[in-house]
Amino acid sequence: MTFIIEIIASILLIVGGLFVLIGALGMVKLPDFYTRLHAPTKATTLGIGCMLIGSLILHALRGDGIGIQELVISLFLFLTAPVSAYMIAKAAIHRDVRLTRNSRNTHLTETIKMHGEDYQE
């Protein structure tokens, strides 16, 4: 039974590492600010979350007990990563950061400006 739990924890660690790698590649390959903002947000939420849960399982299996620090860090990341990404994107809209020509849905910037309640120029 412990072997199966170790396999599950190892898979979580590998999947978490892959999410972080994909997020780092997204920072390099994606064309504009808004799409680049999407990549690290998903990487931290899913990648670091998987790594911390895998680490939590391995420490509990070794007999060290459940690390409260890992639970608190996971909860903190799951709560703050989406909120911080939203606030950064909103600040970029207020600063009039433009999309590239290759981006799709470039009309959304103008729509947000027209219909945004608290948009200030």
PDB file of N, CA and C in Angstrom:
ATOM      1  N   MET A   1       0.817  -1.202   0.000  1.00  0.00           N
ATOM      2  CA  MET A   1       0.000   0.000   0.000  1.00  0.00           C
ATOM      3  C   MET A   1       0.861   1.267   0.000  1.00  0.00           C
ATOM      4  N   THR A   2       1.965   1.236   0.750  1.00  0.00           N
ATOM      5  CA  THR A   2       2.814   2.427   0.782  1.00  0.00           C
ATOM      6  C   THR A   2       3.470   2.682  -0.572  1.00  0.00           C
ATOM      7  N   PHE A   3       3.734   1.601  -1.313  1.00  0.00           N
ATOM      8  CA  PHE A   3       4.332   1.767  -2.638  1.00  0.00           C
ATOM      9  C   PHE A   3       3.387   2.527  -3.565  1.00  0.00           C
ATOM     10  N   ILE A   4       2.110   2.220  -3.502  1.00  0.00           N
ATOM     11  CA  ILE A   4       1.120   2.906  -4.341  1.00  0.00           C
ATOM     12  C   ILE A   4       1.024   4.377  -3.954  1.00  0.00           C
ATOM     13  N   ILE A   5       1.062   4.657  -2.670  1.00  0.00           N
ATOM     14  CA  ILE A   5       1.001   6.049  -2.212  1.00  0.00           C
ATOM     15  C   ILE A   5       2.247   6.808  -2.656  1.00  0.00           C
ATOM     16  N   GLU A   6       3.417   6.150  -2.603  1.00  0.00           N
ATOM     17  CA  GLU A   6       4.641   6.789  -3.090  1.00  0.00           C
ATOM     18  C   GLU A   6       4.560   7.079  -4.587  1.00  0.00           C
ATOM     19  N   ILE A   7       3.978   6.174  -5.342  1.00  0.00           N
ATOM     20  CA  ILE A   7       3.806   6.387  -6.785  1.00  0.00           C
ATOM     21  C   ILE A   7       2.892   7.582  -7.033  1.00  0.00           C
ATOM     22  N   ILE A   8       1.791   7.666  -6.292  1.00  0.00           N
ATOM     23  CA  ILE A   8       0.857   8.787  -6.451  1.00  0.00           C
ATOM     24  C   ILE A   8       1.541  10.105  -6.111  1.00  0.00           C
ATOM     25  N   ALA A   9       2.292  10.131  -5.012  1.00  0.00           N
ATOM     26  CA  ALA A   9       2.998  11.353  -4.624  1.00  0.00           C
ATOM     27  C   ALA A   9       4.056  11.721  -5.659  1.00  0.00           C
ATOM     28  N   SER A  10       4.751  10.725  -6.196  1.00  0.00           N
ATOM     29  CA  SER A  10       5.762  10.992  -7.222  1.00  0.00           C
ATOM     30  C   SER A  10       5.127  11.544  -8.492  1.00  0.00           C
ATOM     31  N   ILE A  11       3.977  11.003  -8.861  1.00  0.00           N
ATOM     32  CA  ILE A  11       3.267  11.512 -10.039  1.00  0.00           C
ATOM     33  C   ILE A  11       2.847  12.961  -9.818  1.00  0.00           C
ATOM     34  N   LEU A  12       2.371  13.270  -8.615  1.00  0.00           N
ATOM     35  CA  LEU A  12       2.004  14.657  -8.310  1.00  0.00           C
ATOM     36  C   LEU A  12       3.209  15.589  -8.420  1.00  0.00           C
ATOM     37  N   LEU A  13       4.366  15.146  -7.931  1.00  0.00           N
ATOM     38  CA  LEU A  13       5.574  15.970  -8.023  1.00  0.00           C
ATOM     39  C   LEU A  13       5.989  16.178  -9.477  1.00  0.00           C
ATOM     40  N   ILE A  14       5.917  15.136 -10.281  1.00  0.00           N
ATOM     41  CA  ILE A  14       6.294  15.258 -11.696  1.00  0.00           C
ATOM     42  C   ILE A  14       5.313  16.146 -12.448  1.00  0.00           C
ATOM     43  N   VAL A  15       4.022  15.951 -12.210  1.00  0.00           N
ATOM     44  CA  VAL A  15       3.009  16.776 -12.877  1.00  0.00           C
ATOM     45  C   VAL A  15       3.174  18.242 -12.478  1.00  0.00           C
ATOM     46  N   GLY A  16       3.451  18.486 -11.201  1.00  0.00           N
ATOM     47  CA  GLY A  16       3.691  19.858 -10.751  1.00  0.00           C
ATOM     48  C   GLY A  16       4.890  20.482 -11.435  1.00  0.00           C
ATOM     49  N   GLY A  17       5.965  19.712 -11.565  1.00  0.00           N
ATOM     50  CA  GLY A  17       7.140  20.215 -12.267  1.00  0.00           C
ATOM     51  C   GLY A  17       6.861  20.511 -13.729  1.00  0.00           C
ATOM     52  N   LEU A  18       6.048  19.675 -14.366  1.00  0.00           N
ATOM     53  CA  LEU A  18       5.691  19.915 -15.767  1.00  0.00           C
ATOM     54  C   LEU A  18       4.839  21.173 -15.921  1.00  0.00           C
ATOM     55  N   PHE A  19       3.914  21.401 -14.990  1.00  0.00           N
ATOM     56  CA  PHE A  19       3.113  22.622 -15.052  1.00  0.00           C
ATOM     57  C   PHE A  19       3.989  23.865 -14.910  1.00  0.00           C
ATOM     58  N   VAL A  20       4.951  23.821 -14.007  1.00  0.00           N
ATOM     59  CA  VAL A  20       5.847  24.967 -13.833  1.00  0.00           C
ATOM     60  C   VAL A  20       6.697  25.172 -15.087  1.00  0.00           C
ATOM     61  N   LEU A  21       7.171  24.090 -15.689  1.00  0.00           N
ATOM     62  CA  LEU A  21       7.945  24.189 -16.927  1.00  0.00           C
ATOM     63  C   LEU A  21       7.105  24.776 -18.058  1.00  0.00           C
ATOM     64  N   ILE A  22       5.871  24.329 -18.192  1.00  0.00           N
ATOM     65  CA  ILE A  22       4.988  24.864 -19.230  1.00  0.00           C
ATOM     66  C   ILE A  22       4.704  26.342 -18.986  1.00  0.00           C
ATOM     67  N   GLY A  23       4.527  26.728 -17.727  1.00  0.00           N
ATOM     68  CA  GLY A  23       4.322  28.144 -17.416  1.00  0.00           C
ATOM     69  C   GLY A  23       5.533  28.992 -17.765  1.00  0.00           C
ATOM     70  N   ALA A  24       6.729  28.458 -17.516  1.00  0.00           N
ATOM     71  CA  ALA A  24       7.948  29.192 -17.870  1.00  0.00           C
ATOM     72  C   ALA A  24       8.089  29.317 -19.383  1.00  0.00           C
ATOM     73  N   LEU A  25       7.771  28.258 -20.104  1.00  0.00           N
ATOM     74  CA  LEU A  25       7.821  28.332 -21.566  1.00  0.00           C
ATOM     75  C   LEU A  25       6.778  29.310 -22.099  1.00  0.00           C
ATOM     76  N   GLY A  26       5.629  29.356 -21.454  1.00  0.00           N
ATOM     77  CA  GLY A  26       4.598  30.306 -21.859  1.00  0.00           C
ATOM     78  C   GLY A  26       5.042  31.744 -21.697  1.00  0.00           C
ATOM     79  N   MET A  27       5.825  32.014 -20.665  1.00  0.00           N
ATOM     80  CA  MET A  27       6.338  33.372 -20.468  1.00  0.00           C
ATOM     81  C   MET A  27       7.238  33.796 -21.622  1.00  0.00           C
ATOM     82  N   VAL A  28       7.935  32.851 -22.200  1.00  0.00           N
ATOM     83  CA  VAL A  28       8.854  33.158 -23.291  1.00  0.00           C
ATOM     84  C   VAL A  28       8.137  33.191 -24.638  1.00  0.00           C
ATOM     85  N   LYS A  29       7.229  32.259 -24.873  1.00  0.00           N
ATOM     86  CA  LYS A  29       6.654  32.071 -26.200  1.00  0.00           C
ATOM     87  C   LYS A  29       5.403  32.897 -26.485  1.00  0.00           C
ATOM     88  N   LEU A  30       4.643  33.269 -25.479  1.00  0.00           N
ATOM     89  CA  LEU A  30       3.380  33.957 -25.735  1.00  0.00           C
ATOM     90  C   LEU A  30       3.622  35.397 -26.163  1.00  0.00           C
ATOM     91  N   PRO A  31       2.751  35.957 -27.025  1.00  0.00           N
ATOM     92  CA  PRO A  31       3.074  37.205 -27.717  1.00  0.00           C
ATOM     93  C   PRO A  31       2.895  38.497 -26.932  1.00  0.00           C
ATOM     94  N   ASP A  32       1.914  38.597 -26.055  1.00  0.00           N
ATOM     95  CA  ASP A  32       1.680  39.889 -25.411  1.00  0.00           C
ATOM     96  C   ASP A  32       1.500  39.747 -23.901  1.00  0.00           C
ATOM     97  N   PHE A  33       1.328  40.884 -23.255  1.00  0.00           N
ATOM     98  CA  PHE A  33       1.280  40.930 -21.797  1.00  0.00           C
ATOM     99  C   PHE A  33       0.163  40.071 -21.220  1.00  0.00           C
ATOM    100  N   TYR A  34      -1.013  40.170 -21.783  1.00  0.00           N
ATOM    101  CA  TYR A  34      -2.173  39.490 -21.208  1.00  0.00           C
ATOM    102  C   TYR A  34      -2.066  37.973 -21.324  1.00  0.00           C
ATOM    103  N   THR A  35      -1.565  37.484 -22.431  1.00  0.00           N
ATOM    104  CA  THR A  35      -1.392  36.039 -22.552  1.00  0.00           C
ATOM    105  C   THR A  35      -0.209  35.560 -21.718  1.00  0.00           C
ATOM    106  N   ARG A  36       0.807  36.384 -21.575  1.00  0.00           N
ATOM    107  CA  ARG A  36       1.922  36.025 -20.697  1.00  0.00           C
ATOM    108  C   ARG A  36       1.489  35.988 -19.241  1.00  0.00           C
ATOM    109  N   LEU A  37       0.550  36.803 -18.888  1.00  0.00           N
ATOM    110  CA  LEU A  37       0.045  36.815 -17.515  1.00  0.00           C
ATOM    111  C   LEU A  37      -0.699  35.522 -17.200  1.00  0.00           C
ATOM    112  N   HIS A  38      -1.331  34.945 -18.185  1.00  0.00           N
ATOM    113  CA  HIS A  38      -2.109  33.724 -17.994  1.00  0.00           C
ATOM    114  C   HIS A  38      -1.213  32.531 -17.651  1.00  0.00           C
ATOM    115  N   ALA A  39      -0.065  32.420 -18.290  1.00  0.00           N
ATOM    116  CA  ALA A  39       0.804  31.249 -18.127  1.00  0.00           C
ATOM    117  C   ALA A  39       1.336  31.078 -16.703  1.00  0.00           C
ATOM    118  N   PRO A  40       1.960  32.077 -16.091  1.00  0.00           N
ATOM    119  CA  PRO A  40       2.489  31.838 -14.744  1.00  0.00           C
ATOM    120  C   PRO A  40       1.402  31.702 -13.682  1.00  0.00           C
ATOM    121  N   THR A  41       0.236  32.287 -13.920  1.00  0.00           N
ATOM    122  CA  THR A  41      -0.846  32.135 -12.952  1.00  0.00           C
ATOM    123  C   THR A  41      -1.284  30.686 -12.874  1.00  0.00           C
ATOM    124  N   LYS A  42      -1.463  30.064 -14.007  1.00  0.00           N
ATOM    125  CA  LYS A  42      -1.840  28.646 -14.018  1.00  0.00           C
ATOM    126  C   LYS A  42      -0.702  27.783 -13.494  1.00  0.00           C
ATOM    127  N   ALA A  43       0.520  28.147 -13.811  1.00  0.00           N
ATOM    128  CA  ALA A  43       1.661  27.351 -13.365  1.00  0.00           C
ATOM    129  C   ALA A  43       1.784  27.366 -11.849  1.00  0.00           C
ATOM    130  N   THR A  44       1.615  28.527 -11.243  1.00  0.00           N
ATOM    131  CA  THR A  44       1.741  28.567  -9.789  1.00  0.00           C
ATOM    132  C   THR A  44       0.577  27.872  -9.113  1.00  0.00           C
ATOM    133  N   THR A  45      -0.612  28.084  -9.628  1.00  0.00           N
ATOM    134  CA  THR A  45      -1.768  27.484  -8.980  1.00  0.00           C
ATOM    135  C   THR A  45      -1.739  25.964  -9.089  1.00  0.00           C
ATOM    136  N   LEU A  46      -1.523  25.444 -10.271  1.00  0.00           N
ATOM    137  CA  LEU A  46      -1.558  23.998 -10.466  1.00  0.00           C
ATOM    138  C   LEU A  46      -0.214  23.333 -10.164  1.00  0.00           C
ATOM    139  N   GLY A  47       0.869  23.919 -10.651  1.00  0.00           N
ATOM    140  CA  GLY A  47       2.180  23.301 -10.489  1.00  0.00           C
ATOM    141  C   GLY A  47       2.659  23.261  -9.052  1.00  0.00           C
ATOM    142  N   ILE A  48       2.699  24.406  -8.425  1.00  0.00           N
ATOM    143  CA  ILE A  48       3.159  24.454  -7.038  1.00  0.00           C
ATOM    144  C   ILE A  48       2.174  23.726  -6.131  1.00  0.00           C
ATOM    145  N   GLY A  49       0.883  23.814  -6.455  1.00  0.00           N
ATOM    146  CA  GLY A  49      -0.117  23.084  -5.670  1.00  0.00           C
ATOM    147  C   GLY A  49       0.113  21.581  -5.720  1.00  0.00           C
ATOM    148  N   CYS A  50       0.362  21.043  -6.911  1.00  0.00           N
ATOM    149  CA  CYS A  50       0.642  19.604  -7.037  1.00  0.00           C
ATOM    150  C   CYS A  50       1.921  19.221  -6.301  1.00  0.00           C
ATOM    151  N   MET A  51       2.942  20.055  -6.409  1.00  0.00           N
ATOM    152  CA  MET A  51       4.194  19.757  -5.718  1.00  0.00           C
ATOM    153  C   MET A  51       4.013  19.749  -4.200  1.00  0.00           C
ATOM    154  N   LEU A  52       3.279  20.720  -3.687  1.00  0.00           N
ATOM    155  CA  LEU A  52       3.073  20.778  -2.240  1.00  0.00           C
ATOM    156  C   LEU A  52       2.214  19.621  -1.743  1.00  0.00           C
ATOM    157  N   ILE A  53       1.213  19.238  -2.497  1.00  0.00           N
ATOM    158  CA  ILE A  53       0.380  18.102  -2.089  1.00  0.00           C
ATOM    159  C   ILE A  53       1.188  16.803  -2.146  1.00  0.00           C
ATOM    160  N   GLY A  54       2.012  16.634  -3.182  1.00  0.00           N
ATOM    161  CA  GLY A  54       2.886  15.465  -3.255  1.00  0.00           C
ATOM    162  C   GLY A  54       3.875  15.416  -2.106  1.00  0.00           C
ATOM    163  N   SER A  55       4.448  16.555  -1.770  1.00  0.00           N
ATOM    164  CA  SER A  55       5.368  16.630  -0.636  1.00  0.00           C
ATOM    165  C   SER A  55       4.652  16.339   0.677  1.00  0.00           C
ATOM    166  N   LEU A  56       3.443  16.841   0.807  1.00  0.00           N
ATOM    167  CA  LEU A  56       2.640  16.588   2.003  1.00  0.00           C
ATOM    168  C   LEU A  56       2.380  15.092   2.167  1.00  0.00           C
ATOM    169  N   ILE A  57       2.047  14.421   1.080  1.00  0.00           N
ATOM    170  CA  ILE A  57       1.788  12.977   1.132  1.00  0.00           C
ATOM    171  C   ILE A  57       3.055  12.214   1.512  1.00  0.00           C
ATOM    172  N   LEU A  58       4.191  12.577   0.921  1.00  0.00           N
ATOM    173  CA  LEU A  58       5.441  11.874   1.227  1.00  0.00           C
ATOM    174  C   LEU A  58       5.864  12.070   2.678  1.00  0.00           C
ATOM    175  N   HIS A  59       5.724  13.276   3.208  1.00  0.00           N
ATOM    176  CA  HIS A  59       6.087  13.513   4.606  1.00  0.00           C
ATOM    177  C   HIS A  59       5.152  12.778   5.553  1.00  0.00           C
ATOM    178  N   ALA A  60       3.876  12.722   5.221  1.00  0.00           N
ATOM    179  CA  ALA A  60       2.930  11.977   6.058  1.00  0.00           C
ATOM    180  C   ALA A  60       3.231  10.483   6.008  1.00  0.00           C
ATOM    181  N   LEU A  61       3.658   9.995   4.857  1.00  0.00           N
ATOM    182  CA  LEU A  61       3.976   8.580   4.701  1.00  0.00           C
ATOM    183  C   LEU A  61       5.234   8.200   5.484  1.00  0.00           C
ATOM    184  N   ARG A  62       6.206   9.101   5.545  1.00  0.00           N
ATOM    185  CA  ARG A  62       7.447   8.831   6.276  1.00  0.00           C
ATOM    186  C   ARG A  62       7.258   8.854   7.780  1.00  0.00           C
ATOM    187  N   GLY A  63       6.133   9.364   8.233  1.00  0.00           N
ATOM    188  CA  GLY A  63       5.893   9.422   9.671  1.00  0.00           C
ATOM    189  C   GLY A  63       6.212  10.771  10.273  1.00  0.00           C
ATOM    190  N   ASP A  64       6.517  11.761   9.445  1.00  0.00           N
ATOM    191  CA  ASP A  64       6.806  13.099   9.951  1.00  0.00           C
ATOM    192  C   ASP A  64       5.532  13.858  10.294  1.00  0.00           C
ATOM    193  N   GLY A  65       4.403  13.313   9.934  1.00  0.00           N
ATOM    194  CA  GLY A  65       3.138  13.998  10.167  1.00  0.00           C
ATOM    195  C   GLY A  65       2.807  14.923   9.008  1.00  0.00           C
ATOM    196  N   ILE A  66       1.613  15.455   9.070  1.00  0.00           N
ATOM    197  CA  ILE A  66       1.170  16.385   8.029  1.00  0.00           C
ATOM    198  C   ILE A  66       1.745  17.756   8.345  1.00  0.00           C
ATOM    199  N   GLY A  67       2.475  18.316   7.406  1.00  0.00           N
ATOM    200  CA  GLY A  67       3.083  19.628   7.601  1.00  0.00           C
ATOM    201  C   GLY A  67       2.061  20.738   7.436  1.00  0.00           C
ATOM    202  N   ILE A  68       1.815  21.456   8.499  1.00  0.00           N
ATOM    203  CA  ILE A  68       0.841  22.546   8.443  1.00  0.00           C
ATOM    204  C   ILE A  68       1.333  23.657   7.521  1.00  0.00           C
ATOM    205  N   GLN A  69       2.659  23.807   7.401  1.00  0.00           N
ATOM    206  CA  GLN A  69       3.198  24.834   6.516  1.00  0.00           C
ATOM    207  C   GLN A  69       2.798  24.578   5.068  1.00  0.00           C
ATOM    208  N   GLU A  70       2.845  23.330   4.646  1.00  0.00           N
ATOM    209  CA  GLU A  70       2.486  23.006   3.265  1.00  0.00           C
ATOM    210  C   GLU A  70       1.008  23.259   3.007  1.00  0.00           C
ATOM    211  N   LEU A  71       0.176  22.965   3.981  1.00  0.00           N
ATOM    212  CA  LEU A  71      -1.254  23.245   3.828  1.00  0.00           C
ATOM    213  C   LEU A  71      -1.522  24.741   3.738  1.00  0.00           C
ATOM    214  N   VAL A  72      -0.852  25.512   4.579  1.00  0.00           N
ATOM    215  CA  VAL A  72      -1.052  26.965   4.579  1.00  0.00           C
ATOM    216  C   VAL A  72      -0.539  27.578   3.278  1.00  0.00           C
ATOM    217  N   ILE A  73       0.612  27.130   2.807  1.00  0.00           N
ATOM    218  CA  ILE A  73       1.159  27.649   1.551  1.00  0.00           C
ATOM    219  C   ILE A  73       0.235  27.308   0.385  1.00  0.00           C
ATOM    220  N   SER A  74      -0.277  26.075   0.345  1.00  0.00           N
ATOM    221  CA  SER A  74      -1.208  25.688  -0.726  1.00  0.00           C
ATOM    222  C   SER A  74      -2.458  26.551  -0.705  1.00  0.00           C
ATOM    223  N   LEU A  75      -3.028  26.734   0.463  1.00  0.00           N
ATOM    224  CA  LEU A  75      -4.225  27.563   0.585  1.00  0.00           C
ATOM    225  C   LEU A  75      -3.937  28.999   0.163  1.00  0.00           C
ATOM    226  N   PHE A  76      -2.796  29.532   0.598  1.00  0.00           N
ATOM    227  CA  PHE A  76      -2.413  30.898   0.240  1.00  0.00           C
ATOM    228  C   PHE A  76      -2.271  31.052  -1.273  1.00  0.00           C
ATOM    229  N   LEU A  77      -1.614  30.098  -1.924  1.00  0.00           N
ATOM    230  CA  LEU A  77      -1.434  30.170  -3.382  1.00  0.00           C
ATOM    231  C   LEU A  77      -2.751  30.058  -4.128  1.00  0.00           C
ATOM    232  N   PHE A  78      -3.607  29.141  -3.700  1.00  0.00           N
ATOM    233  CA  PHE A  78      -4.890  28.969  -4.388  1.00  0.00           C
ATOM    234  C   PHE A  78      -5.786  30.187  -4.231  1.00  0.00           C
ATOM    235  N   LEU A  79      -5.620  30.924  -3.150  1.00  0.00           N
ATOM    236  CA  LEU A  79      -6.443  32.119  -2.947  1.00  0.00           C
ATOM    237  C   LEU A  79      -5.857  33.363  -3.600  1.00  0.00           C
ATOM    238  N   THR A  80      -4.547  33.520  -3.558  1.00  0.00           N
ATOM    239  CA  THR A  80      -3.956  34.782  -4.000  1.00  0.00           C
ATOM    240  C   THR A  80      -3.549  34.823  -5.471  1.00  0.00           C
ATOM    241  N   ALA A  81      -3.219  33.705  -6.086  1.00  0.00           N
ATOM    242  CA  ALA A  81      -2.768  33.734  -7.484  1.00  0.00           C
ATOM    243  C   ALA A  81      -3.838  34.263  -8.438  1.00  0.00           C
ATOM    244  N   PRO A  82      -5.074  33.801  -8.378  1.00  0.00           N
ATOM    245  CA  PRO A  82      -6.079  34.365  -9.290  1.00  0.00           C
ATOM    246  C   PRO A  82      -6.396  35.832  -9.002  1.00  0.00           C
ATOM    247  N   VAL A  83      -6.418  36.193  -7.735  1.00  0.00           N
ATOM    248  CA  VAL A  83      -6.728  37.584  -7.378  1.00  0.00           C
ATOM    249  C   VAL A  83      -5.620  38.512  -7.851  1.00  0.00           C
ATOM    250  N   SER A  84      -4.368  38.117  -7.652  1.00  0.00           N
ATOM    251  CA  SER A  84      -3.264  38.975  -8.086  1.00  0.00           C
ATOM    252  C   SER A  84      -3.216  39.079  -9.610  1.00  0.00           C
ATOM    253  N   ALA A  85      -3.507  37.992 -10.318  1.00  0.00           N
ATOM    254  CA  ALA A  85      -3.531  38.058 -11.785  1.00  0.00           C
ATOM    255  C   ALA A  85      -4.629  38.996 -12.262  1.00  0.00           C
ATOM    256  N   TYR A  86      -5.771  38.951 -11.618  1.00  0.00           N
ATOM    257  CA  TYR A  86      -6.869  39.853 -11.979  1.00  0.00           C
ATOM    258  C   TYR A  86      -6.472  41.309 -11.744  1.00  0.00           C
ATOM    259  N   MET A  87      -5.848  41.586 -10.617  1.00  0.00           N
ATOM    260  CA  MET A  87      -5.461  42.966 -10.308  1.00  0.00           C
ATOM    261  C   MET A  87      -4.373  43.468 -11.261  1.00  0.00           C
ATOM    262  N   ILE A  88      -3.427  42.618 -11.621  1.00  0.00           N
ATOM    263  CA  ILE A  88      -2.383  43.014 -12.568  1.00  0.00           C
ATOM    264  C   ILE A  88      -2.989  43.284 -13.941  1.00  0.00           C
ATOM    265  N   ALA A  89      -3.924  42.433 -14.382  1.00  0.00           N
ATOM    266  CA  ALA A  89      -4.573  42.648 -15.681  1.00  0.00           C
ATOM    267  C   ALA A  89      -5.399  43.928 -15.669  1.00  0.00           C
ATOM    268  N   LYS A  90      -6.081  44.188 -14.575  1.00  0.00           N
ATOM    269  CA  LYS A  90      -6.879  45.410 -14.476  1.00  0.00           C
ATOM    270  C   LYS A  90      -5.981  46.648 -14.503  1.00  0.00           C
ATOM    271  N   ALA A  91      -4.846  46.583 -13.823  1.00  0.00           N
ATOM    272  CA  ALA A  91      -3.901  47.700 -13.855  1.00  0.00           C
ATOM    273  C   ALA A  91      -3.341  47.897 -15.264  1.00  0.00           C
ATOM    274  N   ALA A  92      -3.103  46.808 -15.978  1.00  0.00           N
ATOM    275  CA  ALA A  92      -2.604  46.920 -17.354  1.00  0.00           C
ATOM    276  C   ALA A  92      -3.646  47.553 -18.263  1.00  0.00           C
ATOM    277  N   ILE A  93      -4.915  47.242 -18.050  1.00  0.00           N
ATOM    278  CA  ILE A  93      -5.975  47.868 -18.840  1.00  0.00           C
ATOM    279  C   ILE A  93      -6.026  49.359 -18.552  1.00  0.00           C
ATOM    280  N   HIS A  94      -5.897  49.737 -17.288  1.00  0.00           N
ATOM    281  CA  HIS A  94      -5.908  51.156 -16.924  1.00  0.00           C
ATOM    282  C   HIS A  94      -4.695  51.894 -17.481  1.00  0.00           C
ATOM    283  N   ARG A  95      -3.578  51.191 -17.592  1.00  0.00           N
ATOM    284  CA  ARG A  95      -2.363  51.802 -18.153  1.00  0.00           C
ATOM    285  C   ARG A  95      -2.352  51.740 -19.678  1.00  0.00           C
ATOM    286  N   ASP A  96      -3.400  51.187 -20.258  1.00  0.00           N
ATOM    287  CA  ASP A  96      -3.576  51.099 -21.704  1.00  0.00           C
ATOM    288  C   ASP A  96      -2.493  50.247 -22.373  1.00  0.00           C
ATOM    289  N   VAL A  97      -2.180  49.117 -21.765  1.00  0.00           N
ATOM    290  CA  VAL A  97      -1.254  48.167 -22.367  1.00  0.00           C
ATOM    291  C   VAL A  97      -1.979  47.483 -23.517  1.00  0.00           C
ATOM    292  N   ARG A  98      -1.417  47.574 -24.700  1.00  0.00           N
ATOM    293  CA  ARG A  98      -2.072  47.080 -25.914  1.00  0.00           C
ATOM    294  C   ARG A  98      -1.747  45.615 -26.177  1.00  0.00           C
ATOM    295  N   LEU A  99      -2.643  44.994 -26.921  1.00  0.00           N
ATOM    296  CA  LEU A  99      -2.411  43.645 -27.418  1.00  0.00           C
ATOM    297  C   LEU A  99      -1.566  43.726 -28.688  1.00  0.00           C
ATOM    298  N   THR A 100      -0.921  42.632 -29.048  1.00  0.00           N
ATOM    299  CA  THR A 100      -0.197  42.610 -30.313  1.00  0.00           C
ATOM    300  C   THR A 100      -1.175  42.352 -31.451  1.00  0.00           C
ATOM    301  N   ARG A 101      -0.728  42.568 -32.661  1.00  0.00           N
ATOM    302  CA  ARG A 101      -1.607  42.339 -33.817  1.00  0.00           C
ATOM    303  C   ARG A 101      -1.938  40.866 -33.993  1.00  0.00           C
ATOM    304  N   ASN A 102      -1.068  40.000 -33.513  1.00  0.00           N
ATOM    305  CA  ASN A 102      -1.303  38.560 -33.646  1.00  0.00           C
ATOM    306  C   ASN A 102      -2.304  38.031 -32.631  1.00  0.00           C
ATOM    307  N   SER A 103      -2.628  38.815 -31.632  1.00  0.00           N
ATOM    308  CA  SER A 103      -3.572  38.370 -30.606  1.00  0.00           C
ATOM    309  C   SER A 103      -4.988  38.368 -31.152  1.00  0.00           C
ATOM    310  N   ARG A 104      -5.757  37.449 -30.668  1.00  0.00           N
ATOM    311  CA  ARG A 104      -7.166  37.407 -31.052  1.00  0.00           C
ATOM    312  C   ARG A 104      -7.965  38.242 -30.072  1.00  0.00           C
ATOM    313  N   ASN A 105      -9.158  38.621 -30.475  1.00  0.00           N
ATOM    314  CA  ASN A 105     -10.081  39.387 -29.633  1.00  0.00           C
ATOM    315  C   ASN A 105      -9.501  40.730 -29.209  1.00  0.00           C
ATOM    316  N   THR A 106      -8.845  41.419 -30.133  1.00  0.00           N
ATOM    317  CA  THR A 106      -8.308  42.733 -29.798  1.00  0.00           C
ATOM    318  C   THR A 106      -9.412  43.749 -29.568  1.00  0.00           C
ATOM    319  N   HIS A 107     -10.621  43.458 -30.000  1.00  0.00           N
ATOM    320  CA  HIS A 107     -11.746  44.367 -29.783  1.00  0.00           C
ATOM    321  C   HIS A 107     -12.136  44.438 -28.306  1.00  0.00           C
ATOM    322  N   LEU A 108     -11.695  43.492 -27.501  1.00  0.00           N
ATOM    323  CA  LEU A 108     -12.075  43.493 -26.091  1.00  0.00           C
ATOM    324  C   LEU A 108     -11.504  44.686 -25.337  1.00  0.00           C
ATOM    325  N   THR A 109     -10.342  45.160 -25.722  1.00  0.00           N
ATOM    326  CA  THR A 109      -9.761  46.314 -25.046  1.00  0.00           C
ATOM    327  C   THR A 109     -10.664  47.524 -25.187  1.00  0.00           C
ATOM    328  N   GLU A 110     -11.140  47.774 -26.386  1.00  0.00           N
ATOM    329  CA  GLU A 110     -12.037  48.915 -26.604  1.00  0.00           C
ATOM    330  C   GLU A 110     -13.376  48.708 -25.896  1.00  0.00           C
ATOM    331  N   THR A 111     -13.873  47.489 -25.893  1.00  0.00           N
ATOM    332  CA  THR A 111     -15.139  47.200 -25.220  1.00  0.00           C
ATOM    333  C   THR A 111     -15.016  47.433 -23.723  1.00  0.00           C
ATOM    334  N   ILE A 112     -13.920  47.021 -23.143  1.00  0.00           N
ATOM    335  CA  ILE A 112     -13.713  47.224 -21.711  1.00  0.00           C
ATOM    336  C   ILE A 112     -13.642  48.711 -21.398  1.00  0.00           C
ATOM    337  N   LYS A 113     -12.984  49.465 -22.253  1.00  0.00           N
ATOM    338  CA  LYS A 113     -12.909  50.911 -22.039  1.00  0.00           C
ATOM    339  C   LYS A 113     -14.287  51.554 -22.115  1.00  0.00           C
ATOM    340  N   MET A 114     -15.097  51.135 -23.086  1.00  0.00           N
ATOM    341  CA  MET A 114     -16.417  51.743 -23.259  1.00  0.00           C
ATOM    342  C   MET A 114     -17.363  51.400 -22.116  1.00  0.00           C
ATOM    343  N   HIS A 115     -17.332  50.156 -21.669  1.00  0.00           N
ATOM    344  CA  HIS A 115     -18.317  49.698 -20.702  1.00  0.00           C
ATOM    345  C   HIS A 115     -17.788  49.619 -19.279  1.00  0.00           C
ATOM    346  N   GLY A 116     -16.506  49.855 -19.094  1.00  0.00           N
ATOM    347  CA  GLY A 116     -15.949  49.781 -17.749  1.00  0.00           C
ATOM    348  C   GLY A 116     -16.452  50.917 -16.877  1.00  0.00           C
ATOM    349  N   GLU A 117     -16.925  50.575 -15.696  1.00  0.00           N
ATOM    350  CA  GLU A 117     -17.500  51.583 -14.807  1.00  0.00           C
ATOM    351  C   GLU A 117     -16.434  52.484 -14.188  1.00  0.00           C
ATOM    352  N   ASP A 118     -15.311  51.880 -13.838  1.00  0.00           N
ATOM    353  CA  ASP A 118     -14.301  52.658 -13.129  1.00  0.00           C
ATOM    354  C   ASP A 118     -13.065  52.932 -13.983  1.00  0.00           C
ATOM    355  N   TYR A 119     -13.190  52.860 -15.300  1.00  0.00           N
ATOM    356  CA  TYR A 119     -12.059  53.139 -16.174  1.00  0.00           C
ATOM    357  C   TYR A 119     -11.818  54.639 -16.213  1.00  0.00           C
ATOM    358  N   GLN A 120     -10.576  55.038 -15.949  1.00  0.00           N
ATOM    359  CA  GLN A 120     -10.227  56.459 -15.957  1.00  0.00           C
ATOM    360  C   GLN A 120      -9.074  56.667 -16.917  1.00  0.00           C
ATOM    361  N   GLU A 121      -9.171  57.712 -17.710  1.00  0.00           N
ATOM    362  CA  GLU A 121      -8.065  58.003 -18.626  1.00  0.00           C
ATOM    363  C   GLU A 121      -7.151  59.033 -18.019  1.00  0.00           C
TER     364      GLU A 121
END
